[in-house]
Protein backbone atom coordinates (compact mmCIF):
# COMPACT_ATOMS: atom_id res chain seq x y z
CA MET A 1 -237.19 -0.05 -45.28
CA LYS A 2 -240.48 1.99 -44.81
CA PRO A 3 -243.46 1.56 -47.25
CA VAL A 4 -243.79 5.61 -47.68
CA ARG A 5 -239.72 5.25 -48.58
CA VAL A 6 -240.31 2.59 -51.08
CA ALA A 7 -243.18 4.29 -52.53
CA THR A 8 -241.34 7.49 -52.95
CA LEU A 9 -238.23 5.65 -54.77
CA LEU A 10 -240.67 3.93 -56.89
CA TRP A 11 -242.31 7.24 -57.73
CA MET A 12 -238.94 9.00 -58.70
CA LEU A 13 -237.81 5.89 -60.69
CA LEU A 14 -241.02 6.28 -62.86
CA LEU A 15 -239.70 10.14 -63.30
CA VAL A 16 -236.19 8.89 -64.18
CA LEU A 17 -237.72 6.19 -66.90
CA ARG A 18 -240.09 9.01 -68.46
CA LEU A 19 -237.39 11.38 -68.58
CA GLY A 20 -234.93 8.74 -70.28
CA ALA A 21 -237.91 8.48 -73.03
CA ALA A 22 -238.25 12.35 -73.43
CA ARG A 23 -239.16 13.47 -76.62
CA MET A 24 -236.24 15.15 -78.59
CA GLY A 25 -236.50 18.34 -79.83
CA SER A 26 -238.05 19.34 -83.22
CA PRO A 27 -235.60 19.59 -86.14
CA GLU A 28 -235.70 23.46 -86.11
CA GLU A 29 -234.48 23.20 -82.54
CA ASP A 30 -231.64 20.94 -83.35
CA SER A 31 -230.34 22.63 -86.27
CA PHE A 32 -227.86 25.68 -85.95
CA TYR A 33 -229.26 28.84 -87.31
CA TYR A 34 -226.69 30.89 -89.51
CA GLY A 35 -227.34 34.90 -89.66
CA THR A 36 -226.81 38.02 -88.11
CA PHE A 37 -228.57 40.33 -85.38
CA PRO A 38 -230.57 43.50 -86.24
CA PHE A 39 -228.52 46.55 -86.87
CA GLY A 40 -227.96 48.45 -83.18
CA PHE A 41 -228.24 45.29 -81.30
CA SER A 42 -226.07 45.81 -78.25
CA TRP A 43 -223.50 43.13 -76.73
CA GLY A 44 -222.08 43.29 -73.44
CA VAL A 45 -221.00 41.81 -70.23
CA GLY A 46 -222.00 41.91 -66.54
CA SER A 47 -220.89 42.05 -63.02
CA SER A 48 -221.97 43.45 -59.71
CA ALA A 49 -220.54 45.93 -56.88
CA TYR A 50 -220.54 43.32 -53.94
CA GLN A 51 -218.94 40.65 -56.04
CA THR A 52 -216.08 42.45 -57.62
CA GLU A 53 -215.36 45.78 -56.15
CA GLY A 54 -213.78 44.77 -52.70
CA ALA A 55 -212.60 47.94 -50.38
CA TRP A 56 -215.75 47.01 -48.11
CA ASP A 57 -214.89 49.67 -45.55
CA GLN A 58 -212.77 52.23 -47.49
CA ASP A 59 -213.56 55.75 -48.66
CA GLY A 60 -216.42 56.06 -46.35
CA LYS A 61 -218.46 53.12 -47.71
CA GLY A 62 -220.77 51.75 -44.87
CA PRO A 63 -221.62 48.06 -44.20
CA SER A 64 -224.02 46.17 -46.26
CA ILE A 65 -225.89 43.16 -45.38
CA TRP A 66 -223.50 40.83 -47.46
CA ASP A 67 -220.73 42.41 -45.39
CA ALA A 68 -222.61 41.50 -42.06
CA PHE A 69 -223.40 37.95 -43.27
CA THR A 70 -219.87 36.90 -44.44
CA HIS A 71 -218.25 38.36 -41.29
CA SER A 72 -220.61 36.53 -38.91
CA GLY A 73 -218.41 33.32 -38.87
CA LYS A 74 -221.09 30.93 -38.76
CA GLY A 75 -220.34 28.78 -41.87
CA LYS A 76 -222.99 30.87 -44.18
CA VAL A 77 -220.38 31.05 -47.13
CA LEU A 78 -218.04 27.97 -48.43
CA GLY A 79 -215.05 28.32 -47.05
CA ASN A 80 -215.95 31.20 -44.89
CA GLU A 81 -214.89 33.58 -47.73
CA THR A 82 -216.07 37.26 -47.64
CA ALA A 83 -215.92 39.81 -50.44
CA ASP A 84 -213.58 42.25 -48.61
CA VAL A 85 -211.05 42.21 -51.30
CA ALA A 86 -213.00 40.21 -54.11
CA CYS A 87 -211.66 41.10 -57.66
CA ASP A 88 -210.34 44.37 -56.22
CA GLY A 89 -212.31 46.03 -58.71
CA TYR A 90 -212.77 49.51 -56.94
CA HIS A 91 -208.80 49.92 -57.42
CA LYS A 92 -208.45 48.21 -60.98
CA VAL A 93 -210.99 50.38 -62.79
CA GLN A 94 -209.02 51.24 -65.64
CA GLU A 95 -207.53 47.68 -65.96
CA ASP A 96 -211.16 46.41 -66.39
CA ILE A 97 -211.80 49.12 -68.80
CA ILE A 98 -209.01 47.83 -70.88
CA LEU A 99 -210.52 44.45 -70.60
CA LEU A 100 -214.09 45.51 -71.86
CA ARG A 101 -212.38 47.28 -75.00
CA GLU A 102 -210.57 44.08 -75.55
CA LEU A 103 -213.97 42.21 -75.75
CA HIS A 104 -215.33 44.83 -78.23
CA VAL A 105 -218.34 45.32 -76.04
CA ASN A 106 -221.05 48.21 -76.65
CA HIS A 107 -222.38 48.19 -72.86
CA TYR A 108 -221.17 47.37 -69.67
CA ARG A 109 -223.64 46.26 -66.93
CA PHE A 110 -222.69 47.22 -63.31
CA SER A 111 -224.39 47.86 -60.15
CA LEU A 112 -223.81 50.75 -57.53
CA SER A 113 -223.30 50.04 -54.34
CA TRP A 114 -225.93 51.82 -52.14
CA PRO A 115 -224.02 51.63 -48.95
CA ARG A 116 -220.88 53.13 -50.82
CA LEU A 117 -223.01 56.13 -51.74
CA LEU A 118 -225.43 56.21 -48.72
CA PRO A 119 -223.48 54.80 -46.05
CA THR A 120 -226.52 54.46 -43.66
CA GLY A 121 -228.76 53.77 -46.57
CA VAL A 122 -230.53 57.18 -45.76
CA ARG A 123 -230.09 60.34 -48.18
CA ALA A 124 -231.00 62.81 -45.37
CA GLU A 125 -228.38 61.73 -43.29
CA LYS A 126 -225.30 61.42 -45.09
CA VAL A 127 -224.09 61.47 -48.77
CA ASN A 128 -220.63 59.64 -49.21
CA GLN A 129 -218.60 62.01 -51.87
CA LYS A 130 -215.95 59.81 -52.24
CA GLY A 131 -218.55 57.12 -53.31
CA MET A 132 -220.07 59.40 -55.98
CA LYS A 133 -216.75 60.38 -57.32
CA PHE A 134 -216.12 56.85 -57.93
CA TYR A 135 -219.01 55.88 -60.03
CA SER A 136 -219.02 59.25 -61.87
CA ASN A 137 -215.31 58.49 -62.91
CA LEU A 138 -216.27 54.88 -64.06
CA ILE A 139 -218.86 56.30 -66.12
CA ASP A 140 -217.02 58.73 -67.73
CA ALA A 141 -214.07 56.13 -68.62
CA LEU A 142 -216.80 53.86 -70.15
CA LEU A 143 -218.02 56.62 -72.13
CA SER A 144 -214.84 57.79 -73.32
CA SER A 145 -214.09 54.24 -74.47
CA ASN A 146 -217.57 54.19 -76.50
CA ILE A 147 -218.94 51.77 -73.91
CA THR A 148 -222.41 52.50 -72.65
CA PRO A 149 -223.16 52.06 -69.15
CA ILE A 150 -226.30 49.91 -68.18
CA VAL A 151 -226.62 50.79 -64.46
CA THR A 152 -228.18 48.43 -61.57
CA LEU A 153 -229.33 50.35 -58.71
CA HIS A 154 -229.47 47.75 -56.13
CA HIS A 155 -227.78 44.16 -56.73
CA TRP A 156 -228.58 42.65 -53.03
CA ASP A 157 -226.15 44.65 -51.14
CA LEU A 158 -228.61 46.38 -48.86
CA PRO A 159 -226.89 48.81 -46.42
CA GLN A 160 -226.89 47.11 -43.13
CA LEU A 161 -228.38 49.65 -40.91
CA LEU A 162 -231.74 49.70 -42.84
CA GLN A 163 -231.60 46.04 -42.05
CA VAL A 164 -230.80 46.50 -38.26
CA LYS A 165 -233.36 49.50 -37.84
CA TYR A 166 -236.25 48.21 -40.00
CA GLY A 167 -235.70 44.71 -40.87
CA GLY A 168 -234.83 45.42 -44.36
CA TRP A 169 -237.38 44.29 -47.03
CA GLN A 170 -239.87 43.08 -44.56
CA ASN A 171 -240.55 46.87 -43.91
CA VAL A 172 -242.43 48.77 -46.52
CA SER A 173 -240.61 51.82 -45.51
CA MET A 174 -237.65 50.42 -47.68
CA ALA A 175 -239.76 51.63 -50.90
CA ASN A 176 -239.31 55.23 -49.86
CA TYR A 177 -235.91 54.94 -48.85
CA PHE A 178 -235.13 53.11 -52.09
CA ARG A 179 -236.82 56.02 -54.03
CA ASP A 180 -234.43 58.71 -52.17
CA TYR A 181 -231.31 56.60 -53.31
CA ALA A 182 -232.71 56.14 -56.63
CA ASN A 183 -233.22 60.13 -56.99
CA LEU A 184 -229.78 60.57 -55.82
CA CYS A 185 -228.41 58.29 -58.52
CA PHE A 186 -230.66 60.06 -61.46
CA GLU A 187 -229.65 63.41 -60.41
CA ALA A 188 -225.95 62.85 -60.28
CA PHE A 189 -225.43 60.18 -63.25
CA GLY A 190 -228.40 60.71 -64.86
CA ASP A 191 -227.14 62.96 -67.58
CA ARG A 192 -224.81 60.33 -68.78
CA VAL A 193 -226.57 57.13 -67.96
CA LYS A 194 -229.42 56.22 -70.22
CA HIS A 195 -230.38 52.67 -69.15
CA TRP A 196 -231.34 52.10 -65.69
CA ILE A 197 -232.25 48.60 -63.77
CA THR A 198 -234.04 49.24 -60.57
CA PHE A 199 -233.16 45.60 -59.18
CA SER A 200 -231.53 42.47 -60.33
CA ASP A 201 -233.29 39.33 -59.56
CA PRO A 202 -235.56 40.07 -56.69
CA ARG A 203 -236.92 36.75 -56.81
CA ALA A 204 -233.73 35.15 -55.60
CA MET A 205 -233.01 38.12 -53.01
CA ALA A 206 -236.50 37.43 -51.54
CA GLU A 207 -236.63 33.86 -51.49
CA LYS A 208 -232.81 33.18 -50.32
CA GLY A 209 -232.73 36.17 -48.21
CA TYR A 210 -236.40 35.78 -46.28
CA GLU A 211 -237.05 32.30 -47.09
CA THR A 212 -234.08 29.90 -46.69
CA GLY A 213 -231.62 32.06 -45.27
CA HIS A 214 -228.72 30.90 -47.53
CA HIS A 215 -228.36 34.61 -48.59
CA ALA A 216 -227.85 37.92 -46.41
CA PRO A 217 -229.86 38.86 -44.38
CA GLY A 218 -230.17 35.14 -43.92
CA LEU A 219 -233.63 34.99 -42.47
CA LYS A 220 -235.91 32.11 -42.49
CA LEU A 221 -239.65 33.04 -42.53
CA PRO A 222 -240.92 30.16 -44.66
CA GLY A 223 -244.17 31.11 -47.02
CA THR A 224 -244.43 34.69 -45.52
CA GLY A 225 -240.71 36.47 -45.40
CA LEU A 226 -240.28 36.30 -49.42
CA TYR A 227 -243.86 37.36 -50.17
CA LYS A 228 -243.64 40.20 -48.02
CA ALA A 229 -240.09 41.08 -49.18
CA ALA A 230 -241.33 40.89 -52.88
CA HIS A 231 -244.28 43.16 -52.28
CA HIS A 232 -242.22 45.97 -51.30
CA ILE A 233 -239.47 45.54 -53.56
CA ILE A 234 -242.28 45.82 -56.42
CA LYS A 235 -243.55 49.04 -54.66
CA ALA A 236 -240.24 50.37 -54.52
CA HIS A 237 -239.64 49.58 -58.37
CA ALA A 238 -243.02 51.30 -59.14
CA GLN A 239 -241.50 54.68 -57.00
CA ALA A 240 -238.38 54.66 -58.69
CA TRP A 241 -239.93 54.45 -61.82
CA HIS A 242 -242.44 57.50 -61.54
CA SER A 243 -239.60 59.60 -59.72
CA TYR A 244 -237.62 59.13 -63.02
CA ASN A 245 -240.88 59.56 -65.14
CA THR A 246 -242.28 62.76 -63.34
CA THR A 247 -239.13 64.40 -62.57
CA TRP A 248 -235.91 63.37 -65.01
CA ARG A 249 -237.44 61.76 -68.02
CA SER A 250 -237.99 64.93 -69.92
CA LYS A 251 -234.47 66.07 -69.46
CA GLN A 252 -232.19 63.22 -69.56
CA GLN A 253 -234.51 60.95 -71.95
CA GLY A 254 -233.55 57.61 -70.48
CA LEU A 255 -235.39 54.15 -69.67
CA VAL A 256 -236.00 52.54 -66.60
CA GLY A 257 -236.70 48.59 -66.36
CA ILE A 258 -236.00 45.76 -64.09
CA SER A 259 -234.14 42.54 -64.45
CA LEU A 260 -235.72 39.08 -63.44
CA ASN A 261 -234.13 35.79 -63.94
CA CYS A 262 -236.01 32.67 -64.53
CA ASP A 263 -235.20 29.07 -65.81
CA TRP A 264 -237.41 27.83 -68.73
CA GLY A 265 -239.91 25.43 -67.50
CA GLU A 266 -240.90 22.41 -69.86
CA PRO A 267 -243.74 20.25 -69.11
CA LEU A 268 -242.51 16.59 -68.31
CA ASP A 269 -245.10 14.83 -70.32
CA ILE A 270 -246.80 17.20 -73.31
CA SER A 271 -249.90 14.99 -73.06
CA ASN A 272 -250.61 15.31 -69.72
CA PRO A 273 -252.75 18.68 -69.05
CA LYS A 274 -251.52 18.25 -65.33
CA ASP A 275 -247.72 18.64 -66.47
CA ILE A 276 -248.95 21.27 -68.69
CA GLU A 277 -250.46 23.27 -66.01
CA ALA A 278 -247.54 22.75 -63.40
CA ALA A 279 -245.20 23.85 -66.08
CA GLU A 280 -247.07 27.09 -66.42
CA ARG A 281 -247.62 27.63 -62.93
CA TYR A 282 -243.72 27.07 -62.71
CA LEU A 283 -243.20 30.27 -64.92
CA GLN A 284 -245.85 32.34 -63.06
CA PHE A 285 -244.25 31.63 -59.53
CA CYS A 286 -240.90 32.67 -61.14
CA LEU A 287 -241.45 35.26 -63.71
CA GLY A 288 -244.74 36.21 -63.37
CA TRP A 289 -244.57 36.93 -59.66
CA PHE A 290 -242.71 40.27 -60.68
CA THR A 291 -243.99 41.04 -64.18
CA ASN A 292 -247.62 40.77 -63.83
CA PRO A 293 -247.99 43.32 -61.14
CA ILE A 294 -245.76 45.52 -63.50
CA TYR A 295 -247.44 44.64 -66.92
CA ALA A 296 -251.26 43.76 -65.55
CA GLY A 297 -251.38 45.45 -62.28
CA ASP A 298 -251.64 42.52 -60.01
CA TYR A 299 -250.00 38.98 -58.95
CA PRO A 300 -250.85 35.95 -61.70
CA GLN A 301 -254.27 34.35 -60.55
CA VAL A 302 -252.76 31.07 -60.04
CA MET A 303 -250.37 32.67 -57.25
CA LYS A 304 -253.40 33.91 -55.62
CA ASP A 305 -255.36 30.69 -56.00
CA TYR A 306 -252.77 28.53 -54.87
CA ILE A 307 -251.33 30.29 -51.84
CA GLY A 308 -254.76 31.65 -50.89
CA ARG A 309 -256.24 27.98 -50.63
CA LYS A 310 -253.07 26.65 -48.91
CA SER A 311 -253.32 29.56 -46.19
CA ALA A 312 -256.87 28.82 -45.67
CA GLU A 313 -256.30 25.01 -45.10
CA GLN A 314 -253.34 26.12 -42.72
CA GLY A 315 -256.00 28.08 -40.53
CA LEU A 316 -254.94 31.56 -41.60
CA GLU A 317 -257.55 34.12 -42.01
CA MET A 318 -255.75 35.79 -44.85
CA SER A 319 -253.64 34.82 -47.53
CA ARG A 320 -249.95 34.66 -47.01
CA LEU A 321 -249.83 36.68 -50.29
CA PRO A 322 -250.10 40.16 -49.57
CA VAL A 323 -252.73 42.22 -51.54
CA PHE A 324 -252.41 45.66 -53.55
CA SER A 325 -255.05 47.96 -53.20
CA LEU A 326 -256.50 49.16 -56.57
CA GLN A 327 -254.78 52.44 -56.08
CA GLU A 328 -251.42 50.31 -55.96
CA LYS A 329 -252.27 48.29 -58.82
CA SER A 330 -252.73 51.46 -61.05
CA TYR A 331 -249.67 53.00 -59.86
CA ILE A 332 -247.52 49.64 -60.30
CA LYS A 333 -248.71 48.80 -63.87
CA GLY A 334 -246.98 50.12 -66.75
CA THR A 335 -243.71 50.84 -65.02
CA SER A 336 -241.27 49.55 -66.96
CA ASP A 337 -239.63 50.77 -70.48
CA PHE A 338 -238.01 47.57 -71.12
CA LEU A 339 -238.04 43.84 -69.45
CA GLY A 340 -234.54 42.60 -68.51
CA LEU A 341 -234.24 38.82 -68.61
CA GLY A 342 -231.75 36.60 -66.88
CA HIS A 343 -231.64 32.97 -67.75
CA PHE A 344 -229.03 30.36 -67.51
CA THR A 345 -230.96 26.76 -67.55
CA THR A 346 -234.06 24.65 -67.94
CA ARG A 347 -236.04 22.19 -65.98
CA TYR A 348 -238.71 19.68 -66.57
CA ILE A 349 -241.72 20.03 -64.52
CA THR A 350 -244.53 17.83 -63.25
CA GLU A 351 -247.36 18.24 -60.70
CA ARG A 352 -246.68 17.21 -57.20
CA ASN A 353 -249.16 17.74 -54.43
CA TYR A 354 -247.85 19.01 -50.96
CA PRO A 355 -250.37 18.68 -48.36
CA SER A 356 -250.87 22.06 -46.48
CA ARG A 357 -250.04 20.20 -43.12
CA GLN A 358 -246.26 20.20 -44.14
CA GLY A 359 -246.50 23.98 -43.36
CA PRO A 360 -245.87 27.00 -45.28
CA SER A 361 -243.30 27.30 -47.83
CA TYR A 362 -242.53 28.72 -51.44
CA GLN A 363 -241.85 25.24 -52.59
CA ASN A 364 -244.88 23.68 -51.19
CA ASP A 365 -247.15 26.46 -52.48
CA ARG A 366 -246.35 25.62 -56.15
CA ASP A 367 -247.55 22.07 -56.04
CA LEU A 368 -244.56 21.00 -58.50
CA ILE A 369 -241.25 19.39 -58.97
CA GLU A 370 -238.36 20.21 -60.89
CA LEU A 371 -236.34 17.59 -62.83
CA VAL A 372 -233.68 17.61 -65.19
CA ASP A 373 -232.63 15.28 -68.15
CA PRO A 374 -229.47 13.31 -67.00
CA ASN A 375 -228.30 13.47 -70.78
CA TRP A 376 -228.17 17.48 -70.60
CA PRO A 377 -224.73 18.58 -70.65
CA ASP A 378 -223.17 19.42 -67.09
CA LEU A 379 -221.52 22.38 -66.71
CA GLY A 380 -220.03 21.80 -63.34
CA SER A 381 -222.55 23.75 -60.69
CA LYS A 382 -225.06 21.28 -59.58
CA TRP A 383 -227.93 23.31 -60.74
CA LEU A 384 -226.76 24.40 -64.16
CA TYR A 385 -227.29 22.31 -67.29
CA SER A 386 -227.07 23.62 -70.72
CA VAL A 387 -230.27 23.36 -72.59
CA PRO A 388 -230.14 26.28 -75.21
CA TRP A 389 -233.60 25.37 -76.93
CA GLY A 390 -235.22 26.69 -73.35
CA PHE A 391 -233.76 30.07 -73.64
CA ARG A 392 -235.71 30.42 -77.03
CA ARG A 393 -239.10 29.30 -75.37
CA LEU A 394 -238.86 31.68 -72.64
CA LEU A 395 -237.99 34.82 -74.74
CA ASN A 396 -240.90 34.00 -76.95
CA PHE A 397 -243.02 33.46 -73.78
CA ALA A 398 -242.24 36.67 -72.27
CA GLN A 399 -242.71 38.22 -75.67
CA THR A 400 -246.27 36.82 -75.87
CA GLN A 401 -247.28 36.92 -72.28
CA TYR A 402 -246.17 40.72 -71.70
CA GLY A 403 -247.51 42.39 -74.57
CA ASN A 404 -244.34 42.47 -76.92
CA PRO A 405 -242.04 44.69 -74.34
CA PRO A 406 -238.40 45.50 -75.50
CA ILE A 407 -236.12 42.71 -73.95
CA TYR A 408 -232.50 43.28 -72.66
CA VAL A 409 -230.95 39.96 -71.94
CA MET A 410 -229.24 40.81 -68.42
CA GLU A 411 -227.80 37.82 -67.57
CA ASN A 412 -226.75 34.17 -69.14
CA GLY A 413 -223.59 32.37 -68.49
CA ALA A 414 -221.88 29.33 -67.94
CA SER A 415 -219.82 28.62 -64.53
CA GLN A 416 -216.33 26.63 -64.49
CA LYS A 417 -216.59 23.07 -64.86
CA PHE A 418 -214.78 21.29 -62.26
CA HIS A 419 -211.48 19.44 -63.32
CA CYS A 420 -210.99 21.45 -66.25
CA THR A 421 -208.12 23.22 -67.88
CA GLN A 422 -208.57 26.86 -66.17
CA LEU A 423 -208.36 28.86 -69.19
CA CYS A 424 -209.44 26.56 -72.19
CA ASP A 425 -213.20 26.76 -71.38
CA GLU A 426 -214.40 25.14 -74.23
CA TRP A 427 -217.76 24.14 -72.75
CA ARG A 428 -218.51 27.60 -72.05
CA ILE A 429 -217.88 28.50 -76.05
CA GLN A 430 -220.27 25.77 -76.86
CA TYR A 431 -222.83 27.56 -74.12
CA LEU A 432 -222.27 30.78 -75.65
CA LYS A 433 -222.54 29.21 -79.17
CA GLY A 434 -226.02 27.52 -78.50
CA TYR A 435 -227.53 30.18 -76.25
CA ILE A 436 -227.09 33.07 -78.54
CA ASN A 437 -228.03 31.01 -81.42
CA GLU A 438 -231.45 30.21 -79.79
CA MET A 439 -231.75 33.97 -78.93
CA LEU A 440 -231.03 34.70 -82.95
CA LYS A 441 -233.60 32.23 -83.51
CA ALA A 442 -236.39 34.19 -81.14
CA ILE A 443 -235.55 37.23 -82.89
CA LYS A 444 -236.42 35.55 -86.02
CA ASP A 445 -239.68 34.29 -84.47
CA GLY A 446 -240.68 38.06 -83.61
CA ALA A 447 -239.19 38.55 -80.34
CA ASN A 448 -238.45 42.28 -79.80
CA ILE A 449 -234.89 41.66 -77.95
CA LYS A 450 -232.50 44.75 -78.00
CA GLY A 451 -229.52 43.58 -76.52
CA TYR A 452 -227.32 40.73 -74.70
CA THR A 453 -225.42 40.71 -71.52
CA SER A 454 -223.22 37.86 -71.11
CA TRP A 455 -222.27 36.87 -67.44
CA SER A 456 -219.85 37.62 -66.52
CA LEU A 457 -216.54 39.77 -67.12
CA LEU A 458 -214.62 38.30 -64.42
CA ASP A 459 -214.48 35.77 -61.88
CA LYS A 460 -215.91 36.65 -58.70
CA PHE A 461 -217.34 36.30 -55.13
CA GLU A 462 -220.46 33.97 -55.96
CA TRP A 463 -222.53 34.69 -52.77
CA GLU A 464 -222.81 31.56 -50.60
CA LYS A 465 -220.65 29.29 -52.78
CA GLY A 466 -217.75 32.03 -52.41
CA TYR A 467 -215.01 31.60 -55.08
CA SER A 468 -216.00 27.97 -55.91
CA ASP A 469 -217.93 28.94 -59.01
CA ARG A 470 -216.18 30.83 -61.86
CA TYR A 471 -218.33 32.84 -64.54
CA GLY A 472 -215.73 35.13 -65.87
CA PHE A 473 -214.38 35.57 -69.37
CA TYR A 474 -211.34 36.58 -67.38
CA TYR A 475 -209.71 34.08 -64.66
CA VAL A 476 -208.77 35.74 -61.67
CA GLU A 477 -206.04 34.56 -59.29
CA PHE A 478 -207.68 35.66 -55.72
CA ASN A 479 -204.48 34.04 -54.12
CA ASP A 480 -202.53 36.82 -55.41
CA ARG A 481 -203.03 40.29 -53.89
CA ASN A 482 -202.65 42.06 -57.09
CA LYS A 483 -205.59 39.75 -58.40
CA PRO A 484 -204.35 39.45 -61.87
CA ARG A 485 -206.87 38.68 -64.78
CA TYR A 486 -206.03 36.05 -67.32
CA PRO A 487 -208.14 35.79 -70.61
CA LYS A 488 -209.99 32.49 -71.11
CA ALA A 489 -210.50 31.07 -74.56
CA SER A 490 -214.23 32.38 -74.48
CA VAL A 491 -212.90 35.95 -74.78
CA GLN A 492 -211.59 35.30 -78.18
CA TYR A 493 -215.11 33.58 -79.28
CA TYR A 494 -217.36 36.07 -77.49
CA LYS A 495 -215.53 39.12 -79.40
CA LYS A 496 -215.74 37.15 -82.55
CA ILE A 497 -219.54 37.01 -82.23
CA ILE A 498 -219.56 40.52 -81.05
CA ILE A 499 -217.71 41.83 -84.24
CA ALA A 500 -219.72 39.60 -86.75
CA SER A 501 -222.82 40.48 -84.62
CA GLY A 502 -223.79 36.83 -84.99
CA PHE A 503 -223.10 33.62 -87.09
CA PRO A 504 -221.77 34.51 -90.51
CA ASN A 505 -221.37 31.20 -92.14
CA PRO A 506 -220.12 27.67 -91.03
CA ARG A 507 -216.59 27.68 -91.93
CA GLU A 508 -215.91 31.30 -90.37
CA VAL A 509 -217.61 30.01 -87.03
CA GLU A 510 -215.46 26.99 -87.02
CA SER A 511 -212.41 28.94 -87.33
CA TRP A 512 -213.11 31.05 -84.32
CA HIS A 513 -213.31 27.89 -82.30
CA GLN A 514 -210.01 26.90 -83.13
CA LYS A 515 -208.47 30.14 -82.72
CA ALA A 516 -209.76 30.45 -79.63
CA LEU A 517 -208.55 27.15 -78.24
CA GLU A 518 -204.94 27.89 -79.60
CA THR A 519 -204.67 31.36 -77.71
CA CYS A 520 -205.84 29.65 -74.50
CA SER A 521 -202.90 27.36 -74.14
CA ILE A 522 -200.28 30.12 -74.20
CA ASN A 523 -202.45 31.72 -71.54
CA ASN A 524 -202.27 28.83 -69.62
CA GLN A 525 -198.48 28.43 -69.89
CA MET A 526 -198.33 32.42 -68.25
CA LEU A 527 -200.82 31.03 -65.66
CA ALA A 528 -198.78 28.38 -64.63
CA ALA A 529 -195.78 30.71 -64.29
CA GLU A 530 -197.40 32.99 -62.12
CA PRO A 531 -196.38 31.26 -58.91
CA LEU A 532 -192.66 31.54 -60.05
CA LEU A 533 -193.32 35.25 -61.10
CA SER A 534 -194.94 35.95 -57.47
CA HIS A 535 -192.02 34.07 -55.75
CA MET A 536 -189.43 36.24 -57.65
CA GLN A 537 -191.66 39.47 -56.70
CA MET A 538 -191.30 38.78 -53.24
CA VAL A 539 -187.87 38.07 -53.76
CA THR A 540 -187.68 41.40 -54.90
CA GLU A 541 -189.73 43.35 -52.55
CA ILE A 542 -188.89 41.89 -49.45
CA VAL A 543 -185.71 39.56 -49.51
CA VAL A 544 -183.65 41.97 -51.40
CA PRO A 545 -184.23 45.09 -49.51
CA THR A 546 -183.99 42.96 -46.26
CA VAL A 547 -180.53 41.92 -47.50
CA CYS A 548 -179.44 45.45 -48.47
CA SER A 549 -180.16 46.69 -45.07
CA LEU A 550 -178.12 44.03 -43.40
CA CYS A 551 -175.18 44.69 -45.49
CA VAL A 552 -175.47 48.34 -44.67
CA LEU A 553 -175.85 47.59 -41.07
CA ILE A 554 -172.73 45.27 -41.40
CA ALA A 555 -170.52 47.92 -42.93
CA ALA A 556 -171.80 50.37 -40.27
CA VAL A 557 -170.61 48.13 -37.62
CA LEU A 558 -167.36 47.42 -38.99
CA LEU A 559 -166.71 51.13 -39.84
CA MET A 560 -167.60 51.82 -35.99
CA LEU A 561 -165.03 48.70 -34.82
CA LEU A 562 -162.34 50.37 -37.40
CA LEU A 563 -162.48 53.53 -36.16
CA ARG A 564 -162.49 52.70 -32.54
CA ARG A 565 -159.17 50.74 -33.15
CA GLN A 566 -157.40 53.71 -34.78
CA ASN A 567 -158.10 55.87 -31.74
């Protein structure tokens, strides 16, 4: 074994040992806090257009970059799956609204499909009226059910023609096209929609789409593509906000924000200043990358310092991190009426110096490494561990870092555990209980949190993972052409939290758990019977009509023979 390899293994062993001896949380973190949320707190669930709607080429919809990505046939998605049909949400709107009512949610967060509304991506070229009518009807149906629509303008499904013609988010012209698209939506739906999100998790969109190539459009431009894409996304967000502010706000009285996902980064060794600095750097490269320009007018100083230094060491005359002009800084600063936060898990962070000669990349620019505690509950997905206390810390960090903004939690949830009973998702109940309780503690700390969106309403297409990960409260049988939905145990549990708006007392909360698990066993029996029901349906729809047709044909032949014989 090579000496370098031995050194690396010894270094990793040391880290594992340090993790094993990691400090326990404070007594306050370990204890459960019983109490309720402030009056008016909004509870909801979320989804996105590409992951759920299907109908990818129906009623005038244009192709998106994800249609092109999944149709390439190059093994970019697990099992070569597509979202051509997905949950068939486009045709099952009324059914899904019934599910929302069953959950007793106050709001529903969903996204509009840019290519469904503008098939080429350009408003001046064509507006698809069938797409406009679809979303208008959806909004009306939600409001008639007393469910507030929270609408995301762009959740990763860029019109493919904008990618082909202009290079997508590598081109600054996207900001103008996005502004025109946003204005169309404000004009058509803003009389009824009062909560707008410009972009959902743009960091993942930039990093996986333009750095690693794991997401559409699948470009690998390490150390440059993601920073350029993010730069243009921030400009696009600011343009949309200013358009709303100057043209629509006085008439419609709505709010416009952005939703940013970030895990919490905890220093591996709180007595080591370098680990503390690395954890801070992790958060700035993750959350601060987008929030700092919006709330302070420019990128975090640590990003400018690290990327600038590494760029110079790599022989570049300019930093790979783009620069905002003074005018742009002023224009971007303050362009958010609320901060949307997505959060799923936590990482321990320690410093790790990456030589610049290794080449440019987002990972190397940060000079850190992410670790997990092997004792954290594993939820099935390789990256997702249940660490509720990190949620409270992230919420408090955002509150103090960005000047006490109103915060809406826009994504938080757990995926399906492997080898589990499909509908008895006890681990998701535990995840919900722990994370929502830490959010309640953050409000107690003083965080101005206005609402919570659990992710997600349905099992759905999970990007490069296909249909392997299931985040839904409702199980979707994707092998059935009707895509039936079945409630998991977590439906009953989350509904109880919503109705009580928190955790009233130990006895009541424990009873929720027991009742939720009792109902899921009945639902599991229904799910187990589904193949038989499908078979019976097939017999009804195909075999019976075929047999009847044969009988009619035989009868006709016999009648002809009988007539001939008589003649």
